[in-house]
Amino acid sequence: FSDPLAAVLAAGGALAGLLARQRTGQGVHLDCSQREMLASVMGSALMDYAMNSRVATAQGNDDPTKIVQGCFPCRGERGWVTIAIDTEEAWQRLCGVLGRPGWTREPRFADPEQRRQHRQEVQELLAQWTRSRTKFEVTQQLQAAGIAAGPVLSAKELFEDAHLRERGFFEVCTHPEAGTHPYYGRPMQFTKTPLRNHRPAPCF
């Protein structure tokens, strides 16, 4: 993870240096540490220790600041969906989609603090609902209600993903030794300068 992260942050640093040169006429020296770049994105864990002397432990997919956050089992092979609920409005909508409006009035789920205390029960009840549907059905239903949800996709499913294909993310490229294959493109596009693979990677 630190390899591409360092590249992105270093690129941002280089652009900042170019902007400084443009404004002042003076060049700058950019000193990048890959380890420091990786540490810089561990903000919440570092801040928790600095402020509370509390050492972060493994949380899996959970997040104690969210009402619901996790990866839930669905019907079918490799059926998993991610769901995140972090506002009262989203919780109310979730209860509506699940056909459980009564949950909004139950003492154990009455407010965010109560739901956090009963989070294991909330997760289990939600998993009962997701198990009866495919990950795509769950995603469609929840997103339609304005709830953050997304299917866990295999590499094959990523290549077939309608959203990525509509965006033109994958490009077919022919290499003299590797042959013709689809490759992932760039995660950004410019208005007047389309980013495309003009040629394959060079051979050794």
N, C-alpha and C. Protein backbone atom coordinates (compact mmCIF):
# COMPACT_ATOMS: atom_id res chain seq x y z
N PHE A 1 0.83 -1.20 0.00
CA PHE A 1 0.00 0.00 0.00
C PHE A 1 0.86 1.25 0.00
N SER A 2 2.00 1.20 0.68
CA SER A 2 2.82 2.42 0.79
C SER A 2 3.48 2.81 -0.53
N ASP A 3 3.67 1.87 -1.45
CA ASP A 3 4.31 2.21 -2.72
C ASP A 3 3.46 3.19 -3.54
N PRO A 4 2.21 2.84 -3.89
CA PRO A 4 1.41 3.81 -4.65
C PRO A 4 1.06 5.05 -3.83
N LEU A 5 0.89 4.89 -2.51
CA LEU A 5 0.57 6.05 -1.67
C LEU A 5 1.71 7.05 -1.73
N ALA A 6 2.94 6.58 -1.57
CA ALA A 6 4.10 7.48 -1.61
C ALA A 6 4.20 8.17 -2.96
N ALA A 7 3.90 7.45 -4.03
CA ALA A 7 3.96 8.05 -5.36
C ALA A 7 2.96 9.19 -5.50
N VAL A 8 1.74 8.97 -5.02
CA VAL A 8 0.70 10.01 -5.12
C VAL A 8 1.06 11.22 -4.28
N LEU A 9 1.51 11.00 -3.04
CA LEU A 9 1.87 12.11 -2.17
C LEU A 9 3.10 12.85 -2.69
N ALA A 10 4.07 12.12 -3.23
CA ALA A 10 5.26 12.75 -3.79
C ALA A 10 4.89 13.61 -5.01
N ALA A 11 3.96 13.12 -5.82
CA ALA A 11 3.50 13.90 -6.97
C ALA A 11 2.87 15.21 -6.50
N GLY A 12 2.06 15.13 -5.42
CA GLY A 12 1.47 16.34 -4.86
C GLY A 12 2.54 17.29 -4.34
N GLY A 13 3.58 16.74 -3.70
CA GLY A 13 4.69 17.57 -3.23
C GLY A 13 5.43 18.24 -4.37
N ALA A 14 5.64 17.49 -5.46
CA ALA A 14 6.32 18.06 -6.63
C ALA A 14 5.51 19.20 -7.22
N LEU A 15 4.20 19.03 -7.31
CA LEU A 15 3.35 20.10 -7.83
C LEU A 15 3.40 21.34 -6.92
N ALA A 16 3.42 21.12 -5.59
CA ALA A 16 3.53 22.24 -4.67
C ALA A 16 4.87 22.97 -4.87
N GLY A 17 5.94 22.20 -5.11
CA GLY A 17 7.24 22.80 -5.38
C GLY A 17 7.25 23.62 -6.65
N LEU A 18 6.61 23.11 -7.69
CA LEU A 18 6.52 23.85 -8.96
C LEU A 18 5.71 25.14 -8.78
N LEU A 19 4.65 25.06 -7.99
CA LEU A 19 3.83 26.25 -7.73
C LEU A 19 4.65 27.29 -6.95
N ALA A 20 5.44 26.82 -5.97
CA ALA A 20 6.29 27.74 -5.22
C ALA A 20 7.32 28.40 -6.13
N ARG A 21 7.89 27.64 -7.04
CA ARG A 21 8.87 28.21 -7.98
C ARG A 21 8.22 29.25 -8.88
N GLN A 22 6.99 28.95 -9.33
CA GLN A 22 6.27 29.88 -10.19
C GLN A 22 5.99 31.19 -9.45
N ARG A 23 5.69 31.11 -8.17
CA ARG A 23 5.34 32.30 -7.40
C ARG A 23 6.56 33.10 -6.95
N THR A 24 7.66 32.38 -6.62
CA THR A 24 8.81 33.06 -6.02
C THR A 24 10.02 33.14 -6.93
N GLY A 25 10.06 32.30 -7.98
CA GLY A 25 11.23 32.25 -8.84
C GLY A 25 12.35 31.42 -8.27
N GLN A 26 12.14 30.83 -7.09
CA GLN A 26 13.16 30.02 -6.43
C GLN A 26 12.76 28.54 -6.44
N GLY A 27 13.73 27.69 -6.73
CA GLY A 27 13.47 26.25 -6.69
C GLY A 27 13.41 25.75 -5.25
N VAL A 28 12.88 24.55 -5.06
CA VAL A 28 12.81 23.95 -3.73
C VAL A 28 13.35 22.53 -3.79
N HIS A 29 13.81 22.04 -2.65
CA HIS A 29 14.24 20.65 -2.54
C HIS A 29 13.13 19.87 -1.83
N LEU A 30 12.66 18.80 -2.45
CA LEU A 30 11.59 17.99 -1.88
C LEU A 30 12.19 16.73 -1.27
N ASP A 31 12.00 16.56 0.03
CA ASP A 31 12.52 15.40 0.76
C ASP A 31 11.33 14.53 1.15
N CYS A 32 11.22 13.34 0.57
CA CYS A 32 10.08 12.45 0.83
C CYS A 32 10.54 11.18 1.54
N SER A 33 9.85 10.83 2.61
CA SER A 33 10.10 9.58 3.32
C SER A 33 8.87 8.70 3.15
N GLN A 34 9.06 7.53 2.57
CA GLN A 34 7.92 6.64 2.35
C GLN A 34 7.30 6.22 3.69
N ARG A 35 8.12 6.00 4.70
CA ARG A 35 7.59 5.59 5.99
C ARG A 35 6.77 6.71 6.62
N GLU A 36 7.23 7.95 6.48
CA GLU A 36 6.49 9.09 7.04
C GLU A 36 5.19 9.30 6.28
N MET A 37 5.22 9.07 4.97
CA MET A 37 3.99 9.20 4.19
C MET A 37 2.95 8.18 4.63
N LEU A 38 3.40 6.96 4.92
CA LEU A 38 2.46 5.93 5.38
C LEU A 38 1.91 6.29 6.76
N ALA A 39 2.79 6.79 7.64
CA ALA A 39 2.34 7.18 8.99
C ALA A 39 1.34 8.32 8.92
N SER A 40 1.45 9.19 7.90
CA SER A 40 0.58 10.37 7.83
C SER A 40 -0.88 10.02 7.58
N VAL A 41 -1.16 8.82 7.05
CA VAL A 41 -2.55 8.44 6.80
C VAL A 41 -3.12 7.58 7.93
N MET A 42 -2.37 7.45 9.01
CA MET A 42 -2.86 6.71 10.18
C MET A 42 -3.34 7.69 11.24
N GLY A 43 -3.94 8.78 10.79
CA GLY A 43 -4.29 9.90 11.65
C GLY A 43 -5.09 9.55 12.88
N SER A 44 -6.19 8.81 12.73
CA SER A 44 -7.06 8.55 13.88
C SER A 44 -6.36 7.71 14.93
N ALA A 45 -5.58 6.70 14.52
CA ALA A 45 -4.88 5.85 15.48
C ALA A 45 -3.80 6.65 16.21
N LEU A 46 -3.06 7.49 15.47
CA LEU A 46 -2.01 8.29 16.10
C LEU A 46 -2.61 9.33 17.04
N MET A 47 -3.70 9.96 16.60
CA MET A 47 -4.34 10.98 17.43
C MET A 47 -4.94 10.37 18.70
N ASP A 48 -5.50 9.18 18.57
CA ASP A 48 -6.08 8.51 19.74
C ASP A 48 -5.01 8.23 20.78
N TYR A 49 -3.84 7.82 20.33
CA TYR A 49 -2.76 7.57 21.29
C TYR A 49 -2.24 8.88 21.88
N ALA A 50 -2.07 9.90 21.02
CA ALA A 50 -1.55 11.18 21.49
C ALA A 50 -2.48 11.82 22.52
N MET A 51 -3.79 11.72 22.29
CA MET A 51 -4.76 12.38 23.17
C MET A 51 -5.20 11.52 24.35
N ASN A 52 -5.27 10.19 24.14
CA ASN A 52 -5.87 9.32 25.15
C ASN A 52 -4.94 8.22 25.66
N SER A 53 -3.71 8.15 25.11
CA SER A 53 -2.76 7.09 25.46
C SER A 53 -3.38 5.72 25.22
N ARG A 54 -4.24 5.62 24.19
CA ARG A 54 -4.92 4.37 23.89
C ARG A 54 -4.33 3.79 22.61
N VAL A 55 -3.88 2.54 22.68
CA VAL A 55 -3.28 1.88 21.52
C VAL A 55 -4.37 1.20 20.71
N ALA A 56 -4.45 1.52 19.43
CA ALA A 56 -5.48 0.95 18.56
C ALA A 56 -5.29 -0.56 18.42
N THR A 57 -6.40 -1.28 18.39
CA THR A 57 -6.37 -2.72 18.19
C THR A 57 -7.13 -3.05 16.91
N ALA A 58 -7.00 -4.28 16.46
CA ALA A 58 -7.67 -4.70 15.24
C ALA A 58 -9.19 -4.58 15.39
N GLN A 59 -9.84 -3.98 14.41
CA GLN A 59 -11.29 -3.79 14.45
C GLN A 59 -12.00 -4.54 13.33
N GLY A 60 -11.24 -5.20 12.47
CA GLY A 60 -11.87 -5.83 11.31
C GLY A 60 -12.51 -4.77 10.43
N ASN A 61 -13.76 -4.98 10.05
CA ASN A 61 -14.47 -4.01 9.22
C ASN A 61 -15.28 -3.01 10.04
N ASP A 62 -15.23 -3.14 11.36
CA ASP A 62 -16.07 -2.32 12.22
C ASP A 62 -15.46 -0.94 12.44
N ASP A 63 -16.29 0.00 12.85
CA ASP A 63 -15.85 1.34 13.20
C ASP A 63 -16.71 1.80 14.38
N PRO A 64 -16.11 2.01 15.54
CA PRO A 64 -16.91 2.34 16.72
C PRO A 64 -17.65 3.67 16.62
N THR A 65 -17.28 4.52 15.66
CA THR A 65 -17.97 5.81 15.52
C THR A 65 -19.22 5.70 14.66
N LYS A 66 -19.43 4.56 14.01
CA LYS A 66 -20.58 4.38 13.12
C LYS A 66 -21.68 3.59 13.83
N ILE A 67 -22.91 3.84 13.44
CA ILE A 67 -24.03 3.06 13.95
C ILE A 67 -23.92 1.63 13.43
N VAL A 68 -23.67 1.53 12.13
CA VAL A 68 -23.44 0.23 11.48
C VAL A 68 -22.29 0.41 10.51
N GLN A 69 -21.33 -0.47 10.55
CA GLN A 69 -20.32 -0.51 9.49
C GLN A 69 -19.75 -1.91 9.46
N GLY A 70 -19.84 -2.52 8.29
CA GLY A 70 -19.31 -3.86 8.21
C GLY A 70 -19.52 -4.49 6.85
N CYS A 71 -19.11 -5.73 6.77
CA CYS A 71 -19.22 -6.54 5.56
C CYS A 71 -20.18 -7.67 5.90
N PHE A 72 -21.29 -7.74 5.17
CA PHE A 72 -22.37 -8.65 5.55
C PHE A 72 -22.58 -9.75 4.51
N PRO A 73 -22.89 -10.98 4.98
CA PRO A 73 -23.06 -12.11 4.05
C PRO A 73 -24.35 -11.99 3.25
N CYS A 74 -24.27 -12.42 2.00
CA CYS A 74 -25.44 -12.39 1.11
C CYS A 74 -25.63 -13.76 0.47
N ARG A 75 -26.73 -13.91 -0.26
CA ARG A 75 -27.02 -15.17 -0.94
C ARG A 75 -26.06 -15.34 -2.11
N GLY A 76 -25.66 -16.56 -2.36
CA GLY A 76 -24.81 -16.85 -3.51
C GLY A 76 -23.35 -17.00 -3.12
N GLU A 77 -22.59 -17.57 -4.05
CA GLU A 77 -21.17 -17.78 -3.82
C GLU A 77 -20.44 -16.44 -3.77
N ARG A 78 -19.55 -16.29 -2.81
CA ARG A 78 -18.81 -15.04 -2.59
C ARG A 78 -19.74 -13.84 -2.46
N GLY A 79 -20.85 -14.06 -1.80
CA GLY A 79 -21.83 -13.00 -1.64
C GLY A 79 -21.57 -12.17 -0.40
N TRP A 80 -21.01 -11.00 -0.56
CA TRP A 80 -20.74 -10.09 0.56
C TRP A 80 -21.05 -8.67 0.11
N VAL A 81 -21.55 -7.88 1.05
CA VAL A 81 -21.86 -6.48 0.75
C VAL A 81 -21.38 -5.62 1.93
N THR A 82 -20.88 -4.45 1.62
CA THR A 82 -20.46 -3.51 2.67
C THR A 82 -21.57 -2.49 2.90
N ILE A 83 -21.80 -2.17 4.17
CA ILE A 83 -22.85 -1.22 4.54
C ILE A 83 -22.30 -0.29 5.62
N ALA A 84 -22.59 1.01 5.49
CA ALA A 84 -22.16 1.98 6.50
C ALA A 84 -23.31 2.92 6.82
N ILE A 85 -23.64 3.04 8.10
CA ILE A 85 -24.69 3.94 8.59
C ILE A 85 -24.05 4.85 9.64
N ASP A 86 -24.00 6.15 9.37
CA ASP A 86 -23.37 7.04 10.34
C ASP A 86 -24.22 8.24 10.74
N THR A 87 -25.48 8.28 10.29
CA THR A 87 -26.35 9.38 10.69
C THR A 87 -27.70 8.83 11.15
N GLU A 88 -28.41 9.62 11.92
CA GLU A 88 -29.74 9.22 12.38
C GLU A 88 -30.69 9.04 11.19
N GLU A 89 -30.56 9.92 10.20
CA GLU A 89 -31.43 9.84 9.01
C GLU A 89 -31.20 8.53 8.27
N ALA A 90 -29.93 8.15 8.12
CA ALA A 90 -29.63 6.89 7.42
C ALA A 90 -30.16 5.70 8.21
N TRP A 91 -30.08 5.76 9.54
CA TRP A 91 -30.62 4.68 10.38
C TRP A 91 -32.12 4.55 10.18
N GLN A 92 -32.83 5.68 10.15
CA GLN A 92 -34.27 5.66 9.94
C GLN A 92 -34.61 5.05 8.57
N ARG A 93 -33.85 5.42 7.55
CA ARG A 93 -34.09 4.87 6.20
C ARG A 93 -33.80 3.38 6.15
N LEU A 94 -32.74 2.95 6.86
CA LEU A 94 -32.41 1.52 6.90
C LEU A 94 -33.56 0.73 7.52
N CYS A 95 -34.10 1.23 8.62
CA CYS A 95 -35.22 0.54 9.28
C CYS A 95 -36.41 0.44 8.33
N GLY A 96 -36.62 1.47 7.51
CA GLY A 96 -37.71 1.44 6.54
C GLY A 96 -37.48 0.40 5.46
N VAL A 97 -36.27 0.35 4.92
CA VAL A 97 -35.95 -0.63 3.87
C VAL A 97 -36.08 -2.05 4.40
N LEU A 98 -35.65 -2.27 5.64
CA LEU A 98 -35.72 -3.60 6.24
C LEU A 98 -37.13 -3.97 6.66
N GLY A 99 -38.06 -3.02 6.56
CA GLY A 99 -39.42 -3.29 7.00
C GLY A 99 -39.52 -3.39 8.51
N ARG A 100 -38.63 -2.69 9.22
CA ARG A 100 -38.61 -2.72 10.68
C ARG A 100 -38.72 -1.30 11.26
N PRO A 101 -39.77 -0.56 10.91
CA PRO A 101 -39.88 0.80 11.45
C PRO A 101 -39.97 0.82 12.97
N GLY A 102 -40.41 -0.29 13.58
CA GLY A 102 -40.52 -0.36 15.03
C GLY A 102 -39.19 -0.24 15.74
N TRP A 103 -38.08 -0.59 15.02
CA TRP A 103 -36.76 -0.49 15.63
C TRP A 103 -36.46 0.94 16.08
N THR A 104 -37.02 1.91 15.36
CA THR A 104 -36.73 3.31 15.69
C THR A 104 -37.33 3.70 17.03
N ARG A 105 -38.27 2.90 17.55
CA ARG A 105 -38.92 3.23 18.83
C ARG A 105 -38.50 2.30 19.97
N GLU A 106 -37.77 1.23 19.65
CA GLU A 106 -37.34 0.30 20.69
C GLU A 106 -36.26 0.93 21.56
N PRO A 107 -36.34 0.78 22.89
CA PRO A 107 -35.35 1.39 23.79
C PRO A 107 -33.91 0.99 23.45
N ARG A 108 -33.69 -0.28 23.07
CA ARG A 108 -32.32 -0.73 22.79
C ARG A 108 -31.73 -0.09 21.54
N PHE A 109 -32.61 0.45 20.65
CA PHE A 109 -32.13 1.10 19.44
C PHE A 109 -32.56 2.57 19.40
N ALA A 110 -32.96 3.12 20.52
CA ALA A 110 -33.60 4.44 20.55
C ALA A 110 -32.68 5.58 20.14
N ASP A 111 -31.41 5.50 20.49
CA ASP A 111 -30.49 6.59 20.15
C ASP A 111 -29.14 5.98 19.78
N PRO A 112 -28.23 6.80 19.22
CA PRO A 112 -26.93 6.26 18.77
C PRO A 112 -26.17 5.52 19.86
N GLU A 113 -26.20 6.03 21.09
CA GLU A 113 -25.45 5.38 22.17
C GLU A 113 -26.02 3.99 22.49
N GLN A 114 -27.35 3.88 22.51
CA GLN A 114 -27.99 2.58 22.75
C GLN A 114 -27.65 1.61 21.62
N ARG A 115 -27.68 2.11 20.39
CA ARG A 115 -27.36 1.23 19.24
C ARG A 115 -25.91 0.77 19.30
N ARG A 116 -25.01 1.63 19.75
CA ARG A 116 -23.61 1.22 19.88
C ARG A 116 -23.46 0.15 20.94
N GLN A 117 -24.21 0.27 22.03
CA GLN A 117 -24.14 -0.74 23.08
C GLN A 117 -24.71 -2.08 22.61
N HIS A 118 -25.65 -2.04 21.67
CA HIS A 118 -26.26 -3.25 21.13
C HIS A 118 -25.82 -3.49 19.68
N ARG A 119 -24.65 -3.00 19.33
CA ARG A 119 -24.20 -3.07 17.93
C ARG A 119 -24.10 -4.50 17.42
N GLN A 120 -23.68 -5.44 18.29
CA GLN A 120 -23.59 -6.83 17.86
C GLN A 120 -24.95 -7.36 17.44
N GLU A 121 -25.97 -7.01 18.19
CA GLU A 121 -27.33 -7.44 17.87
C GLU A 121 -27.80 -6.78 16.58
N VAL A 122 -27.49 -5.50 16.41
CA VAL A 122 -27.86 -4.80 15.17
C VAL A 122 -27.21 -5.47 13.97
N GLN A 123 -25.93 -5.80 14.09
CA GLN A 123 -25.20 -6.44 12.99
C GLN A 123 -25.82 -7.79 12.64
N GLU A 124 -26.19 -8.56 13.67
CA GLU A 124 -26.76 -9.90 13.43
C GLU A 124 -28.13 -9.80 12.77
N LEU A 125 -28.95 -8.85 13.21
CA LEU A 125 -30.27 -8.66 12.59
C LEU A 125 -30.14 -8.21 11.15
N LEU A 126 -29.19 -7.34 10.88
CA LEU A 126 -28.97 -6.89 9.50
C LEU A 126 -28.47 -8.03 8.63
N ALA A 127 -27.60 -8.88 9.19
CA ALA A 127 -27.07 -10.02 8.43
C ALA A 127 -28.17 -11.01 8.08
N GLN A 128 -29.17 -11.16 8.95
CA GLN A 128 -30.30 -12.03 8.62
C GLN A 128 -31.02 -11.54 7.37
N TRP A 129 -31.13 -10.22 7.23
CA TRP A 129 -31.81 -9.64 6.07
C TRP A 129 -30.95 -9.77 4.81
N THR A 130 -29.65 -9.51 4.91
CA THR A 130 -28.79 -9.56 3.72
C THR A 130 -28.63 -10.99 3.20
N ARG A 131 -28.67 -11.99 4.10
CA ARG A 131 -28.47 -13.38 3.68
C ARG A 131 -29.54 -13.87 2.70
N SER A 132 -30.70 -13.24 2.72
CA SER A 132 -31.79 -13.68 1.85
C SER A 132 -31.78 -13.01 0.48
N ARG A 133 -30.76 -12.19 0.21
CA ARG A 133 -30.67 -11.44 -1.05
C ARG A 133 -29.26 -11.53 -1.60
N THR A 134 -29.13 -11.29 -2.90
CA THR A 134 -27.78 -11.23 -3.47
C THR A 134 -27.14 -9.90 -3.11
N LYS A 135 -25.83 -9.83 -3.24
CA LYS A 135 -25.13 -8.59 -2.89
C LYS A 135 -25.55 -7.44 -3.80
N PHE A 136 -25.95 -7.76 -5.04
CA PHE A 136 -26.39 -6.71 -5.96
C PHE A 136 -27.79 -6.21 -5.61
N GLU A 137 -28.64 -7.11 -5.16
CA GLU A 137 -29.99 -6.71 -4.72
C GLU A 137 -29.91 -5.82 -3.49
N VAL A 138 -29.06 -6.21 -2.53
CA VAL A 138 -28.89 -5.40 -1.32
C VAL A 138 -28.36 -4.02 -1.68
N THR A 139 -27.34 -3.99 -2.53
CA THR A 139 -26.74 -2.72 -2.93
C THR A 139 -27.77 -1.81 -3.59
N GLN A 140 -28.54 -2.37 -4.52
CA GLN A 140 -29.52 -1.57 -5.24
C GLN A 140 -30.59 -1.02 -4.30
N GLN A 141 -31.09 -1.86 -3.40
CA GLN A 141 -32.14 -1.42 -2.47
C GLN A 141 -31.64 -0.33 -1.53
N LEU A 142 -30.46 -0.52 -0.98
CA LEU A 142 -29.94 0.44 -0.01
C LEU A 142 -29.51 1.75 -0.68
N GLN A 143 -28.83 1.65 -1.81
CA GLN A 143 -28.42 2.87 -2.49
C GLN A 143 -29.64 3.69 -2.94
N ALA A 144 -30.69 3.00 -3.36
CA ALA A 144 -31.92 3.70 -3.77
C ALA A 144 -32.52 4.49 -2.61
N ALA A 145 -32.24 4.03 -1.38
CA ALA A 145 -32.74 4.72 -0.19
C ALA A 145 -31.73 5.72 0.37
N GLY A 146 -30.63 5.92 -0.37
CA GLY A 146 -29.62 6.88 0.08
C GLY A 146 -28.71 6.37 1.16
N ILE A 147 -28.52 5.05 1.21
CA ILE A 147 -27.67 4.43 2.22
C ILE A 147 -26.39 3.93 1.56
N ALA A 148 -25.26 4.20 2.20
CA ALA A 148 -23.97 3.79 1.65
C ALA A 148 -23.83 2.27 1.68
N ALA A 149 -23.76 1.67 0.50
CA ALA A 149 -23.62 0.21 0.40
C ALA A 149 -22.94 -0.12 -0.93
N GLY A 150 -22.18 -1.21 -0.94
CA GLY A 150 -21.53 -1.62 -2.17
C GLY A 150 -21.17 -3.08 -2.11
N PRO A 151 -21.27 -3.78 -3.25
CA PRO A 151 -20.92 -5.21 -3.25
C PRO A 151 -19.41 -5.41 -3.19
N VAL A 152 -18.99 -6.50 -2.56
CA VAL A 152 -17.59 -6.89 -2.58
C VAL A 152 -17.37 -7.67 -3.87
N LEU A 153 -16.53 -7.15 -4.75
CA LEU A 153 -16.37 -7.71 -6.09
C LEU A 153 -15.06 -8.48 -6.23
N SER A 154 -15.12 -9.57 -6.95
CA SER A 154 -13.91 -10.30 -7.33
C SER A 154 -13.27 -9.55 -8.50
N ALA A 155 -12.06 -9.95 -8.88
CA ALA A 155 -11.39 -9.32 -10.01
C ALA A 155 -12.24 -9.47 -11.28
N LYS A 156 -12.84 -10.65 -11.48
CA LYS A 156 -13.69 -10.88 -12.64
C LYS A 156 -14.89 -9.93 -12.63
N GLU A 157 -15.50 -9.77 -11.44
CA GLU A 157 -16.67 -8.89 -11.35
C GLU A 157 -16.29 -7.42 -11.54
N LEU A 158 -15.08 -7.06 -11.12
CA LEU A 158 -14.62 -5.69 -11.36
C LEU A 158 -14.52 -5.41 -12.85
N PHE A 159 -13.98 -6.37 -13.61
CA PHE A 159 -13.86 -6.20 -15.06
C PHE A 159 -15.23 -6.10 -15.72
N GLU A 160 -16.23 -6.71 -15.10
CA GLU A 160 -17.58 -6.70 -15.68
C GLU A 160 -18.46 -5.59 -15.10
N ASP A 161 -17.92 -4.81 -14.15
CA ASP A 161 -18.72 -3.80 -13.46
C ASP A 161 -19.26 -2.75 -14.42
N ALA A 162 -20.57 -2.55 -14.41
CA ALA A 162 -21.22 -1.64 -15.35
C ALA A 162 -20.74 -0.21 -15.17
N HIS A 163 -20.53 0.21 -13.93
CA HIS A 163 -20.09 1.58 -13.67
C HIS A 163 -18.70 1.84 -14.26
N LEU A 164 -17.75 0.93 -13.99
CA LEU A 164 -16.40 1.10 -14.51
C LEU A 164 -16.37 1.04 -16.03
N ARG A 165 -17.20 0.17 -16.61
CA ARG A 165 -17.24 0.09 -18.07
C ARG A 165 -17.85 1.35 -18.68
N GLU A 166 -18.88 1.87 -18.06
CA GLU A 166 -19.51 3.10 -18.55
C GLU A 166 -18.53 4.27 -18.50
N ARG A 167 -17.67 4.27 -17.49
CA ARG A 167 -16.66 5.32 -17.35
C ARG A 167 -15.47 5.11 -18.29
N GLY A 168 -15.40 3.95 -18.95
CA GLY A 168 -14.27 3.69 -19.84
C GLY A 168 -12.98 3.43 -19.08
N PHE A 169 -13.10 2.86 -17.89
CA PHE A 169 -11.93 2.67 -17.05
C PHE A 169 -10.97 1.62 -17.59
N PHE A 170 -11.52 0.56 -18.17
CA PHE A 170 -10.66 -0.50 -18.69
C PHE A 170 -10.35 -0.26 -20.16
N GLU A 171 -9.09 -0.53 -20.52
CA GLU A 171 -8.65 -0.36 -21.90
C GLU A 171 -7.98 -1.64 -22.38
N VAL A 172 -8.22 -1.96 -23.64
CA VAL A 172 -7.59 -3.14 -24.24
C VAL A 172 -6.27 -2.71 -24.87
N CYS A 173 -5.22 -3.45 -24.55
CA CYS A 173 -3.90 -3.11 -25.07
C CYS A 173 -3.22 -4.39 -25.55
N THR A 174 -2.50 -4.27 -26.67
CA THR A 174 -1.78 -5.42 -27.23
C THR A 174 -0.29 -5.26 -26.99
N HIS A 175 0.29 -6.28 -26.37
CA HIS A 175 1.72 -6.30 -26.07
C HIS A 175 2.37 -7.37 -26.95
N PRO A 176 3.55 -7.11 -27.51
CA PRO A 176 4.16 -8.08 -28.43
C PRO A 176 4.43 -9.45 -27.82
N GLU A 177 4.61 -9.53 -26.51
CA GLU A 177 4.86 -10.81 -25.86
C GLU A 177 3.69 -11.28 -25.01
N ALA A 178 3.02 -10.36 -24.33
CA ALA A 178 1.93 -10.75 -23.43
C ALA A 178 0.62 -10.98 -24.17
N GLY A 179 0.49 -10.40 -25.38
CA GLY A 179 -0.75 -10.55 -26.13
C GLY A 179 -1.73 -9.41 -25.84
N THR A 180 -2.98 -9.63 -26.20
CA THR A 180 -4.02 -8.61 -26.04
C THR A 180 -4.86 -8.88 -24.79
N HIS A 181 -4.92 -7.90 -23.91
CA HIS A 181 -5.65 -8.05 -22.64
C HIS A 181 -6.25 -6.71 -22.24
N PRO A 182 -7.31 -6.75 -21.42
CA PRO A 182 -7.81 -5.49 -20.84
C PRO A 182 -6.94 -5.09 -19.64
N TYR A 183 -6.71 -3.80 -19.52
CA TYR A 183 -5.93 -3.26 -18.41
C TYR A 183 -6.72 -2.14 -17.75
N TYR A 184 -6.45 -1.91 -16.47
CA TYR A 184 -7.13 -0.79 -15.83
C TYR A 184 -6.50 0.52 -16.30
N GLY A 185 -7.33 1.54 -16.39
CA GLY A 185 -6.87 2.84 -16.85
C GLY A 185 -6.54 3.77 -15.71
N ARG A 186 -6.89 5.04 -15.87
CA ARG A 186 -6.56 6.04 -14.86
C ARG A 186 -7.80 6.42 -14.06
N PRO A 187 -7.63 6.73 -12.78
CA PRO A 187 -8.78 7.08 -11.95
C PRO A 187 -9.20 8.53 -12.08
N MET A 188 -8.69 9.23 -13.09
CA MET A 188 -9.13 10.61 -13.34
C MET A 188 -9.09 10.88 -14.84
N GLN A 189 -9.85 11.88 -15.26
CA GLN A 189 -9.86 12.27 -16.67
C GLN A 189 -9.78 13.79 -16.76
N PHE A 190 -9.13 14.28 -17.81
CA PHE A 190 -9.04 15.71 -18.07
C PHE A 190 -10.02 16.08 -19.17
N THR A 191 -10.52 17.31 -19.13
CA THR A 191 -11.53 17.76 -20.08
C THR A 191 -11.04 17.68 -21.53
N LYS A 192 -9.84 18.19 -21.79
CA LYS A 192 -9.36 18.31 -23.17
C LYS A 192 -8.21 17.36 -23.50
N THR A 193 -7.79 16.59 -22.53
CA THR A 193 -6.67 15.68 -22.78
C THR A 193 -7.03 14.28 -22.32
N PRO A 194 -7.67 13.50 -23.18
CA PRO A 194 -8.03 12.13 -22.78
C PRO A 194 -6.79 11.31 -22.42
N LEU A 195 -6.86 10.59 -21.33
CA LEU A 195 -5.74 9.74 -20.92
C LEU A 195 -5.99 8.33 -21.43
N ARG A 196 -5.13 7.85 -22.27
CA ARG A 196 -5.28 6.52 -22.85
C ARG A 196 -3.92 5.84 -22.94
N ASN A 197 -3.93 4.52 -23.00
CA ASN A 197 -2.70 3.76 -23.23
C ASN A 197 -2.35 3.88 -24.71
N HIS A 198 -1.28 4.62 -25.01
CA HIS A 198 -0.89 4.81 -26.40
C HIS A 198 -0.01 3.66 -26.91
N ARG A 199 0.68 3.00 -25.98
CA ARG A 199 1.57 1.90 -26.37
C ARG A 199 1.76 0.98 -25.18
N PRO A 200 2.12 -0.26 -25.43
CA PRO A 200 2.33 -1.20 -24.32
C PRO A 200 3.62 -0.90 -23.57
N ALA A 201 3.78 -1.54 -22.43
CA ALA A 201 5.04 -1.40 -21.67
C ALA A 201 6.17 -2.01 -22.46
N PRO A 202 7.39 -1.46 -22.35
CA PRO A 202 8.50 -2.00 -23.13
C PRO A 202 8.94 -3.38 -22.64
N CYS A 203 9.54 -4.15 -23.51
CA CYS A 203 10.08 -5.46 -23.13
C CYS A 203 11.45 -5.25 -22.49
N PHE A 204 11.91 -6.29 -21.79
CA PHE A 204 13.26 -6.18 -21.20
C PHE A 204 14.28 -6.16 -22.33
